[in-house]
Amino acid sequence: MERILKNLKPEKLFYYFEEVTRIPRGSGNEKEISDYLLNLSKNKGWEVFQDEFLNIIIRKPATKGYENAPVVMIQGHMDMVCEKNEGIEHDFEKDPIALRIIDGCIYATETTLGADNGIAVAMALAILDSDDLSHPELEVFISVDEEKGMTGAIKVDGSIFKSKYLLNLDSEEEGIFTSGCAGGCDISFKIPIIEQNTNEKNAYKVVVKGLLGGHSGAEIHKERGNANKILGRVLYDIQDDVELVKINGGSKTNAIPRESYAVFTTDKIDEVKDKIKFWNEILKNEFTFTDPSVTVLVQETNTKEVPIKKDCFKKIVSAINIIPSGVLSRSTVIDLVISSNNLGVITTEKNFVNIYNSSRSSVETLLTCNVEPMMKQIAETLDIKCKVGNYYPGWEYAKKSEVRELCIDTYKELYNKEPKVEAIHAGLECGLLMKKVQGLDAISIGPDTWDVHSPNEHISIKSIENTYYFICEVLKRAK
């Protein structure tokens, strides 16, 4: 297979990144990438440990003169969000990512790239595989399942680490040092459905598509359209004209859904099409600046379907429209989202419709004492089931941080300008690891990456190079 990145430098970094993109590694499907890291480490002679959850820990001794320096953990996650454009034939269980280089950036082809967080894996491997870098003792921790619930970091045995500094490589803007992040949880609803005792009828499909989507933490503030919420609005308008068969939308709770659809039966298809035409006008106006390609379509399915009972239909639509999605609160002091909810996925099973949400907040009580009880009250009002789980803690900004000051000083000397230090609304594993490893001092950095969790995900080649050499310089100064 031709190497697309073969002429890029640092050679080892881009070699490893391309290797990683060839290995299927969606969340929950990390065995192959974990084994690759394990076997590579053994072949290189690195000390390596694979735990029962498939997390990988690799150690490299300090170079001469750094024996008494603080141990540094280089950390990222091996899994990726698997999203593709409609109609694209790509099997994330077995197909490699098809890379392209456009205008100085690396893209995939109609799918997510997986630079979040494959670039961290590649950087860590390049550092481990270098013979000319000066550095303290290194612990490289590559976790599993970060994207779906941070279960790798939750389950890893913290007692195996001895690091004092943590360099998390899961941030997405060069020159911005992340020093705090939101915590979060998953909230799901289960709505029982009952089929109507009626004859099968001709079915149609209403489809919402053309949205940009994006990361439900990093891009929730951009007011991009949520396909599930838009579909809920449309279904409310046409519910007296149609009978619902099923509804599905989105694919990952931590990705703003770009596409959704509902199958319905009707004897009033002309009236429905007139309303859909009106909705296209409404949405084109509302999303002119964020999602100009948003479209609602009506398609014939050429199948016979049995719809569900009308009261079930209305309960589903009510739930979609009442559940809040988007920014819930912002800071009045800095430009930061404090709490949000993403109605990310809707699925129809045989007897239930499921609605899955990803909730985030940098203030814990806004989750535990606001969003969670609000969601439970919605469930009680609609007489449906609500489940809250997979809670992960936030990362509180530290007033004093040696590793942050080290990075700031290094950046100023290298680039003769001040870096930006900030907290983010997306979730990082730093908070979890800091609770597990006593005295761990953390910072998160990374190269310029855009549109993560969407098929337009891309990463700057120059920024990868800059960030890598910056990390190497930080390690050199970490005495």
Protein backbone atom coordinates (compact mmCIF):
# COMPACT_ATOMS: atom_id res chain seq x y z
CA MET A 1 0.00 0.00 0.00
CA GLU A 2 1.38 3.38 -1.00
CA ARG A 3 2.45 5.63 1.84
CA ILE A 4 0.73 9.01 1.53
CA LEU A 5 2.81 10.67 4.27
CA LYS A 6 6.21 9.22 3.34
CA ASN A 7 7.85 12.56 2.47
CA LEU A 8 6.76 14.40 5.60
CA LYS A 9 9.05 15.16 8.52
CA PRO A 10 9.67 14.14 11.27
CA GLU A 11 9.69 10.87 9.34
CA LYS A 12 9.10 8.54 12.27
CA LEU A 13 6.17 10.58 13.55
CA PHE A 14 4.32 10.54 10.23
CA TYR A 15 5.28 6.91 9.63
CA TYR A 16 3.64 5.91 12.91
CA PHE A 17 0.61 8.09 12.30
CA GLU A 18 0.00 6.43 8.96
CA GLU A 19 0.48 3.01 10.56
CA VAL A 20 -2.14 3.87 13.18
CA THR A 21 -4.64 5.04 10.55
CA ARG A 22 -4.42 1.63 8.86
CA ILE A 23 -5.65 -0.18 11.95
CA PRO A 24 -9.41 -0.21 12.78
CA ARG A 25 -9.80 1.35 16.23
CA GLY A 26 -13.29 2.58 16.87
CA SER A 27 -14.22 2.78 20.54
CA GLY A 28 -14.79 -0.76 21.79
CA ASN A 29 -12.79 -2.23 18.90
CA GLU A 30 -9.24 -1.58 20.15
CA LYS A 31 -7.81 -5.12 20.35
CA GLU A 32 -5.88 -4.85 17.09
CA ILE A 33 -4.35 -1.42 17.79
CA SER A 34 -3.56 -2.39 21.38
CA ASP A 35 -1.81 -5.57 20.20
CA TYR A 36 0.06 -3.56 17.58
CA LEU A 37 1.42 -1.25 20.29
CA LEU A 38 2.26 -4.21 22.51
CA ASN A 39 4.13 -6.14 19.81
CA LEU A 40 5.89 -3.06 18.46
CA SER A 41 7.15 -2.24 21.96
CA LYS A 42 8.40 -5.78 22.51
CA ASN A 43 10.21 -5.77 19.16
CA LYS A 44 11.84 -2.43 20.01
CA GLY A 45 12.90 -3.68 23.43
CA TRP A 46 10.76 -1.19 25.35
CA GLU A 47 9.28 -2.13 28.70
CA VAL A 48 5.57 -2.57 28.00
CA PHE A 49 2.45 -3.67 29.84
CA GLN A 50 -1.02 -4.39 28.42
CA ASP A 51 -3.68 -4.55 31.12
CA GLU A 52 -6.87 -6.59 31.05
CA PHE A 53 -8.78 -3.63 29.55
CA LEU A 54 -6.26 -3.33 26.65
CA ASN A 55 -4.69 -0.12 27.95
CA ILE A 56 -1.00 0.13 27.03
CA ILE A 57 1.77 1.44 29.31
CA ILE A 58 5.29 1.78 27.87
CA ARG A 59 8.35 2.88 29.84
CA LYS A 60 11.67 4.26 28.69
CA PRO A 61 14.57 5.01 31.06
CA ALA A 62 15.94 8.50 31.55
CA THR A 63 18.83 9.57 29.36
CA LYS A 64 22.17 10.41 30.91
CA GLY A 65 21.96 13.38 33.27
CA TYR A 66 18.21 13.04 33.76
CA GLU A 67 18.23 10.17 36.27
CA ASN A 68 16.93 12.41 39.08
CA ALA A 69 14.48 14.41 36.97
CA PRO A 70 10.71 14.02 37.58
CA VAL A 71 9.14 11.14 35.67
CA VAL A 72 6.98 12.36 32.77
CA MET A 73 3.83 10.67 31.51
CA ILE A 74 3.02 11.17 27.83
CA GLN A 75 -0.64 10.32 27.38
CA GLY A 76 -3.31 9.95 24.72
CA HIS A 77 -5.99 7.49 23.65
CA MET A 78 -5.94 4.86 20.91
CA ASP A 79 -9.65 4.85 19.98
CA MET A 80 -11.37 7.15 17.51
CA VAL A 81 -14.87 8.32 16.63
CA CYS A 82 -16.10 6.54 13.49
CA GLU A 83 -18.22 8.83 11.32
CA LYS A 84 -18.72 8.78 7.56
CA ASN A 85 -20.77 10.66 5.01
CA GLU A 86 -24.03 9.16 3.83
CA GLY A 87 -23.66 6.63 1.03
CA ILE A 88 -19.96 6.03 1.63
CA GLU A 89 -18.89 2.38 1.69
CA HIS A 90 -16.38 2.21 4.52
CA ASP A 91 -16.26 -0.54 7.12
CA PHE A 92 -14.65 0.84 10.28
CA GLU A 93 -14.29 -2.73 11.57
CA LYS A 94 -11.72 -3.61 8.88
CA ASP A 95 -10.98 -0.81 6.39
CA PRO A 96 -7.96 1.52 6.78
CA ILE A 97 -8.51 5.27 6.72
CA ALA A 98 -7.92 6.66 3.21
CA LEU A 99 -5.57 9.62 3.72
CA ARG A 100 -5.30 12.75 1.59
CA ILE A 101 -3.12 15.86 1.77
CA ILE A 102 -4.89 19.10 0.90
CA ASP A 103 -3.48 22.61 1.42
CA GLY A 104 -0.99 21.57 4.07
CA CYS A 105 -3.44 19.45 6.03
CA ILE A 106 -4.11 15.73 6.36
CA TYR A 107 -7.69 14.63 5.71
CA ALA A 108 -9.40 11.28 5.45
CA THR A 109 -11.73 10.54 2.51
CA GLU A 110 -15.39 11.00 3.47
CA THR A 111 -14.72 9.66 7.01
CA THR A 112 -13.29 10.84 10.27
CA LEU A 113 -9.50 10.96 10.24
CA GLY A 114 -8.84 9.76 13.77
CA ALA A 115 -6.15 12.37 14.43
CA ASP A 116 -8.16 12.62 17.63
CA ASN A 117 -6.18 10.99 19.11
CA GLY A 118 -4.02 8.97 16.75
CA ILE A 119 -1.59 11.87 16.50
CA ALA A 120 -0.83 11.49 20.22
CA VAL A 121 -0.05 7.81 19.71
CA ALA A 122 2.26 8.66 16.80
CA MET A 123 4.06 11.40 18.75
CA ALA A 124 4.59 9.12 21.72
CA LEU A 125 5.97 6.34 19.53
CA ALA A 126 8.29 8.74 17.69
CA ILE A 127 9.67 9.99 21.01
CA LEU A 128 10.16 6.44 22.28
CA ASP A 129 11.86 5.46 19.02
CA SER A 130 14.32 8.35 19.07
CA ASP A 131 17.95 7.84 20.07
CA ASP A 132 18.99 11.50 20.13
CA LEU A 133 16.45 13.08 22.51
CA SER A 134 17.34 14.08 26.05
CA HIS A 135 14.55 13.33 28.51
CA PRO A 136 13.59 12.14 31.99
CA GLU A 137 12.20 8.68 32.57
CA LEU A 138 9.06 8.35 30.44
CA GLU A 139 5.78 6.58 31.03
CA VAL A 140 3.63 6.46 27.91
CA PHE A 141 0.00 5.69 28.68
CA ILE A 142 -2.28 4.98 25.70
CA SER A 143 -5.83 4.39 26.91
CA VAL A 144 -8.83 2.66 25.39
CA ASP A 145 -12.42 3.82 25.01
CA GLU A 146 -11.84 7.49 25.76
CA GLU A 147 -14.44 8.62 23.27
CA LYS A 148 -17.37 6.62 24.65
CA GLY A 149 -16.82 7.00 28.38
CA MET A 150 -13.13 7.20 29.33
CA THR A 151 -13.40 3.66 30.67
CA GLY A 152 -9.73 2.94 30.00
CA ALA A 153 -8.61 5.78 32.25
CA ILE A 154 -11.35 4.95 34.76
CA LYS A 155 -10.28 1.31 35.06
CA VAL A 156 -6.49 1.58 34.83
CA ASP A 157 -4.59 0.79 38.03
CA GLY A 158 -3.15 4.13 39.11
CA SER A 159 -0.62 2.49 41.43
CA ILE A 160 1.50 1.37 38.47
CA PHE A 161 2.42 4.97 37.60
CA LYS A 162 5.19 7.00 39.19
CA SER A 163 5.00 10.13 37.04
CA LYS A 164 5.07 13.64 38.47
CA TYR A 165 4.29 15.48 35.23
CA LEU A 166 1.54 14.59 32.75
CA LEU A 167 1.70 15.76 29.14
CA ASN A 168 -1.72 14.94 27.72
CA LEU A 169 -1.66 15.21 23.90
CA ASP A 170 -5.41 15.37 23.30
CA SER A 171 -5.83 19.11 22.72
CA GLU A 172 -6.47 20.64 19.31
CA GLU A 173 -4.93 24.11 19.08
CA GLU A 174 -1.23 24.83 18.85
CA GLY A 175 -0.03 27.44 21.33
CA ILE A 176 -2.97 26.92 23.65
CA PHE A 177 -2.23 25.06 26.86
CA THR A 178 -5.28 23.44 28.38
CA SER A 179 -5.25 23.43 32.18
CA GLY A 180 -8.82 22.45 33.02
CA CYS A 181 -11.80 20.69 31.47
CA ALA A 182 -15.39 19.69 32.01
CA GLY A 183 -16.65 16.49 33.57
CA GLY A 184 -19.63 14.67 32.19
CA CYS A 185 -22.02 11.75 32.12
CA ASP A 186 -24.30 9.83 29.77
CA ILE A 187 -28.08 10.12 30.10
CA SER A 188 -30.41 7.83 28.18
CA PHE A 189 -34.17 7.51 27.78
CA LYS A 190 -36.10 4.39 26.85
CA ILE A 191 -39.59 4.81 25.40
CA PRO A 192 -41.78 1.70 24.98
CA ILE A 193 -43.55 1.41 21.63
CA ILE A 194 -46.62 -0.56 20.60
CA GLU A 195 -47.49 -1.36 17.01
CA GLN A 196 -50.96 -0.42 15.81
CA ASN A 197 -53.31 -3.26 14.95
CA THR A 198 -53.73 -2.17 11.37
CA ASN A 199 -52.93 -3.25 7.85
CA GLU A 200 -49.50 -2.57 6.43
CA LYS A 201 -49.31 0.64 4.39
CA ASN A 202 -46.91 2.21 1.93
CA ALA A 203 -44.06 3.85 3.79
CA TYR A 204 -41.98 6.97 3.26
CA LYS A 205 -38.85 8.32 4.83
CA VAL A 206 -38.14 11.87 5.98
CA VAL A 207 -34.41 12.57 6.12
CA VAL A 208 -32.47 15.44 7.71
CA LYS A 209 -28.97 15.77 6.24
CA GLY A 210 -26.29 18.23 5.12
CA LEU A 211 -25.25 19.33 8.61
CA LEU A 212 -21.62 19.84 9.65
CA GLY A 213 -21.82 18.09 13.02
CA GLY A 214 -18.68 18.15 15.15
CA HIS A 215 -17.40 17.44 18.64
CA SER A 216 -20.13 17.75 21.24
CA GLY A 217 -17.74 19.42 23.68
CA ALA A 218 -15.27 21.41 21.60
CA GLU A 219 -17.84 22.68 19.07
CA ILE A 220 -21.12 22.74 20.98
CA HIS A 221 -20.87 26.54 21.24
CA LYS A 222 -20.82 26.99 17.45
CA GLU A 223 -24.62 26.64 17.27
CA ARG A 224 -24.44 23.98 14.58
CA GLY A 225 -27.65 22.19 13.76
CA ASN A 226 -28.52 18.94 15.55
CA ALA A 227 -30.21 16.59 13.08
CA ASN A 228 -32.16 14.81 15.82
CA LYS A 229 -33.58 18.04 17.20
CA ILE A 230 -34.47 19.29 13.72
CA LEU A 231 -36.23 16.03 12.94
CA GLY A 232 -38.20 16.36 16.15
CA ARG A 233 -39.46 19.78 15.06
CA VAL A 234 -40.47 18.47 11.65
CA LEU A 235 -42.25 15.42 13.08
CA TYR A 236 -44.24 17.59 15.48
CA ASP A 237 -45.48 19.62 12.53
CA ILE A 238 -46.55 16.59 10.46
CA GLN A 239 -47.68 14.25 13.26
CA ASP A 240 -51.36 14.68 12.45
CA ASP A 241 -50.71 13.72 8.82
CA VAL A 242 -48.52 10.64 9.33
CA GLU A 243 -48.06 7.51 11.42
CA LEU A 244 -44.56 6.79 12.69
CA VAL A 245 -42.85 3.46 12.02
CA LYS A 246 -39.33 4.09 13.33
CA ILE A 247 -36.77 6.80 13.93
CA ASN A 248 -32.98 6.77 13.94
CA GLY A 249 -30.40 9.53 14.10
CA GLY A 250 -26.75 10.17 14.93
CA SER A 251 -24.16 7.53 15.66
CA LYS A 252 -22.11 8.76 18.66
CA THR A 253 -23.27 10.58 21.77
CA ASN A 254 -20.17 12.80 21.73
CA ALA A 255 -20.71 13.88 18.12
CA ILE A 256 -23.32 16.48 17.14
CA PRO A 257 -25.60 14.42 14.83
CA ARG A 258 -25.34 15.34 11.16
CA GLU A 259 -28.06 13.03 9.82
CA SER A 260 -31.30 11.49 11.05
CA TYR A 261 -34.42 9.95 9.58
CA ALA A 262 -37.90 8.69 10.38
CA VAL A 263 -40.00 6.16 8.48
CA PHE A 264 -43.71 6.87 8.38
CA THR A 265 -46.91 5.91 6.59
CA THR A 266 -49.44 8.39 5.29
CA ASP A 267 -52.40 8.92 2.99
CA LYS A 268 -51.56 12.63 2.78
CA ILE A 269 -48.17 12.61 1.11
CA ASP A 270 -48.84 15.79 -0.89
CA GLU A 271 -49.66 17.72 2.30
CA VAL A 272 -46.55 16.30 3.96
CA LYS A 273 -44.34 17.31 1.03
CA ASP A 274 -45.73 20.86 1.13
CA LYS A 275 -44.84 21.11 4.81
CA ILE A 276 -41.36 19.72 4.21
CA LYS A 277 -40.82 22.32 1.50
CA PHE A 278 -41.70 25.00 4.03
CA TRP A 279 -39.30 23.46 6.57
CA ASN A 280 -36.46 23.68 4.08
CA GLU A 281 -37.10 27.40 3.78
CA ILE A 282 -37.18 27.77 7.58
CA LEU A 283 -33.96 25.83 8.14
CA LYS A 284 -32.04 27.48 5.31
CA ASN A 285 -32.78 30.78 6.99
CA GLU A 286 -32.02 29.65 10.54
CA PHE A 287 -28.74 27.93 9.68
CA THR A 288 -27.46 30.27 6.97
CA PHE A 289 -24.17 30.86 8.76
CA THR A 290 -23.57 27.52 10.49
CA ASP A 291 -25.10 24.79 8.29
CA PRO A 292 -26.00 26.28 4.89
CA SER A 293 -26.36 22.82 3.29
CA VAL A 294 -29.05 21.57 5.69
CA THR A 295 -31.79 19.72 3.81
CA VAL A 296 -34.98 17.81 4.63
CA LEU A 297 -36.05 15.20 2.09
CA VAL A 298 -39.03 12.91 1.66
CA GLN A 299 -38.32 9.58 -0.02
CA GLU A 300 -40.40 6.56 -0.93
CA THR A 301 -39.16 3.32 0.65
CA ASN A 302 -41.18 0.86 -1.47
CA THR A 303 -41.89 -1.30 1.55
CA LYS A 304 -44.94 -2.15 3.60
CA GLU A 305 -44.71 -1.13 7.25
CA VAL A 306 -46.87 -1.30 10.36
CA PRO A 307 -46.84 1.98 12.29
CA ILE A 308 -46.78 2.40 16.07
CA LYS A 309 -49.65 3.74 18.18
CA LYS A 310 -50.29 7.46 17.97
CA ASP A 311 -49.80 8.15 21.66
CA CYS A 312 -46.36 6.44 21.50
CA PHE A 313 -45.51 8.55 18.46
CA LYS A 314 -46.43 11.77 20.24
CA LYS A 315 -44.47 10.76 23.35
CA ILE A 316 -41.34 10.17 21.25
CA VAL A 317 -41.67 13.53 19.52
CA SER A 318 -42.31 15.30 22.82
CA ALA A 319 -39.21 13.74 24.36
CA ILE A 320 -36.99 14.80 21.45
CA ASN A 321 -38.30 18.35 21.53
CA ILE A 322 -38.31 18.79 25.32
CA ILE A 323 -34.87 17.32 26.08
CA PRO A 324 -32.48 20.30 26.01
CA SER A 325 -29.56 20.13 23.59
CA GLY A 326 -26.75 22.61 23.09
CA VAL A 327 -25.22 25.13 25.46
CA LEU A 328 -27.02 25.26 28.80
CA SER A 329 -24.83 27.83 30.60
CA ARG A 330 -21.80 30.01 29.91
CA SER A 331 -19.25 31.80 32.03
CA THR A 332 -19.84 35.51 32.45
CA VAL A 333 -16.12 36.08 33.11
CA ILE A 334 -14.33 34.17 30.34
CA ASP A 335 -15.35 32.76 26.95
CA LEU A 336 -16.20 29.26 28.17
CA VAL A 337 -19.22 26.99 28.04
CA ILE A 338 -19.97 25.81 31.58
CA SER A 339 -22.63 23.17 30.89
CA SER A 340 -24.23 21.54 27.86
CA ASN A 341 -26.17 18.55 26.64
CA ASN A 342 -25.94 16.80 23.28
CA LEU A 343 -28.91 14.71 22.14
CA GLY A 344 -26.57 12.56 20.13
CA VAL A 345 -28.25 9.30 19.15
CA ILE A 346 -31.78 7.98 18.59
CA THR A 347 -32.35 4.30 17.83
CA THR A 348 -35.45 2.19 17.27
CA GLU A 349 -35.44 -1.37 18.58
CA LYS A 350 -38.24 -3.92 18.42
CA ASN A 351 -40.10 -2.61 21.46
CA PHE A 352 -38.35 0.64 22.36
CA VAL A 353 -37.05 3.94 21.07
CA ASN A 354 -33.81 4.95 22.80
CA ILE A 355 -32.51 8.50 23.14
CA TYR A 356 -28.87 8.88 24.17
CA ASN A 357 -27.35 12.10 25.51
CA SER A 358 -23.87 13.31 26.47
CA SER A 359 -23.99 15.91 29.26
CA ARG A 360 -20.98 18.01 30.30
CA SER A 361 -20.14 20.62 32.92
CA SER A 362 -17.08 22.15 34.53
CA VAL A 363 -19.21 22.70 37.67
CA GLU A 364 -20.10 19.29 39.07
CA THR A 365 -23.32 20.39 40.76
CA LEU A 366 -24.70 21.65 37.45
CA LEU A 367 -24.67 18.00 36.39
CA THR A 368 -25.68 16.31 39.63
CA CYS A 369 -28.13 18.92 40.92
CA ASN A 370 -29.43 20.45 37.70
CA VAL A 371 -29.11 18.46 34.45
CA GLU A 372 -29.60 15.01 36.00
CA PRO A 373 -32.75 15.90 38.02
CA MET A 374 -34.11 17.89 35.05
CA MET A 375 -33.76 14.84 32.82
CA LYS A 376 -35.37 12.59 35.40
CA GLN A 377 -38.33 14.96 35.71
CA ILE A 378 -38.77 14.91 31.94
CA ALA A 379 -38.90 11.12 32.13
CA GLU A 380 -41.39 11.18 34.99
CA THR A 381 -43.63 13.65 33.16
CA LEU A 382 -43.65 11.56 29.97
CA ASP A 383 -43.79 8.24 31.86
CA ILE A 384 -40.62 6.92 30.25
CA LYS A 385 -37.40 5.47 31.70
CA CYS A 386 -34.26 7.52 32.33
CA LYS A 387 -30.79 6.19 33.13
CA VAL A 388 -27.73 8.19 34.20
CA GLY A 389 -24.25 6.65 34.08
CA ASN A 390 -20.60 6.74 32.97
CA TYR A 391 -19.81 9.79 35.08
CA TYR A 392 -16.28 11.16 34.72
CA PRO A 393 -14.81 14.03 36.77
CA GLY A 394 -13.69 17.38 35.49
CA TRP A 395 -10.21 18.80 35.84
CA GLU A 396 -10.05 21.83 38.10
CA TYR A 397 -7.61 24.60 37.16
CA ALA A 398 -4.58 24.56 39.48
CA LYS A 399 -3.38 27.87 40.87
CA LYS A 400 0.23 26.58 40.84
CA SER A 401 1.60 24.13 38.28
CA GLU A 402 5.26 23.36 37.63
CA VAL A 403 4.60 21.64 34.32
CA ARG A 404 2.44 24.53 33.13
CA GLU A 405 5.19 27.04 33.97
CA LEU A 406 7.75 24.81 32.25
CA CYS A 407 5.65 24.75 29.09
CA ILE A 408 4.96 28.49 29.19
CA ASP A 409 8.65 29.37 29.65
CA THR A 410 9.70 26.97 26.90
CA TYR A 411 7.11 28.34 24.50
CA LYS A 412 8.09 31.97 25.18
CA GLU A 413 11.77 31.24 24.58
CA LEU A 414 11.10 29.28 21.40
CA TYR A 415 8.55 31.63 19.82
CA ASN A 416 9.09 34.94 21.64
CA LYS A 417 5.39 35.23 22.49
CA GLU A 418 2.99 34.28 25.25
CA PRO A 419 0.98 31.09 24.86
CA LYS A 420 -2.67 31.05 25.80
CA VAL A 421 -3.68 29.10 28.90
CA GLU A 422 -7.32 28.07 29.13
CA ALA A 423 -9.89 25.60 30.32
CA ILE A 424 -12.14 23.81 27.82
CA HIS A 425 -15.63 22.39 27.77
CA ALA A 426 -14.60 19.08 26.20
CA GLY A 427 -13.60 16.19 28.45
CA LEU A 428 -10.00 15.05 28.95
CA GLU A 429 -8.55 12.15 30.91
CA CYS A 430 -6.35 14.42 33.03
CA GLY A 431 -8.83 14.76 35.89
CA LEU A 432 -9.23 11.00 36.17
CA LEU A 433 -5.49 10.37 36.18
CA MET A 434 -4.80 13.13 38.69
CA LYS A 435 -7.21 11.44 41.09
CA LYS A 436 -5.40 8.11 40.62
CA VAL A 437 -1.77 9.32 40.77
CA GLN A 438 -0.96 11.37 43.86
CA GLY A 439 0.71 14.69 43.13
CA LEU A 440 0.38 14.41 39.35
CA ASP A 441 0.75 17.81 37.69
CA ALA A 442 -0.92 18.03 34.27
CA ILE A 443 -1.19 20.05 31.10
CA SER A 444 -2.78 19.23 27.74
CA ILE A 445 -1.36 20.30 24.38
CA GLY A 446 -1.73 19.36 20.73
CA PRO A 447 -1.49 20.53 17.11
CA ASP A 448 -4.12 22.45 15.16
CA THR A 449 -6.98 20.09 14.37
CA TRP A 450 -10.38 21.02 13.00
CA ASP A 451 -13.86 19.47 12.72
CA VAL A 452 -13.04 16.45 14.89
CA HIS A 453 -15.74 13.77 15.14
CA SER A 454 -16.88 14.65 11.61
CA PRO A 455 -15.84 13.50 8.11
CA ASN A 456 -14.26 16.92 7.59
CA GLU A 457 -11.73 16.31 10.37
CA HIS A 458 -8.28 17.55 9.34
CA ILE A 459 -4.96 18.38 10.96
CA SER A 460 -2.17 20.81 10.07
CA ILE A 461 1.07 19.19 8.96
CA LYS A 462 3.17 22.18 10.01
CA SER A 463 1.45 22.32 13.38
CA ILE A 464 2.17 18.62 13.98
CA GLU A 465 5.86 19.31 13.35
CA ASN A 466 5.85 22.39 15.60
CA THR A 467 4.07 20.61 18.43
CA TYR A 468 6.34 17.58 18.28
CA TYR A 469 9.53 19.65 18.50
CA PHE A 470 7.99 21.73 21.27
CA ILE A 471 7.29 18.55 23.28
CA CYS A 472 10.86 17.38 22.70
CA GLU A 473 12.17 20.71 23.97
CA VAL A 474 9.93 20.53 27.06
CA LEU A 475 11.30 17.05 27.82
CA LYS A 476 14.85 18.35 27.38
CA ARG A 477 14.20 21.11 29.94
CA ALA A 478 12.33 18.90 32.43
CA LYS A 479 15.29 18.38 34.78
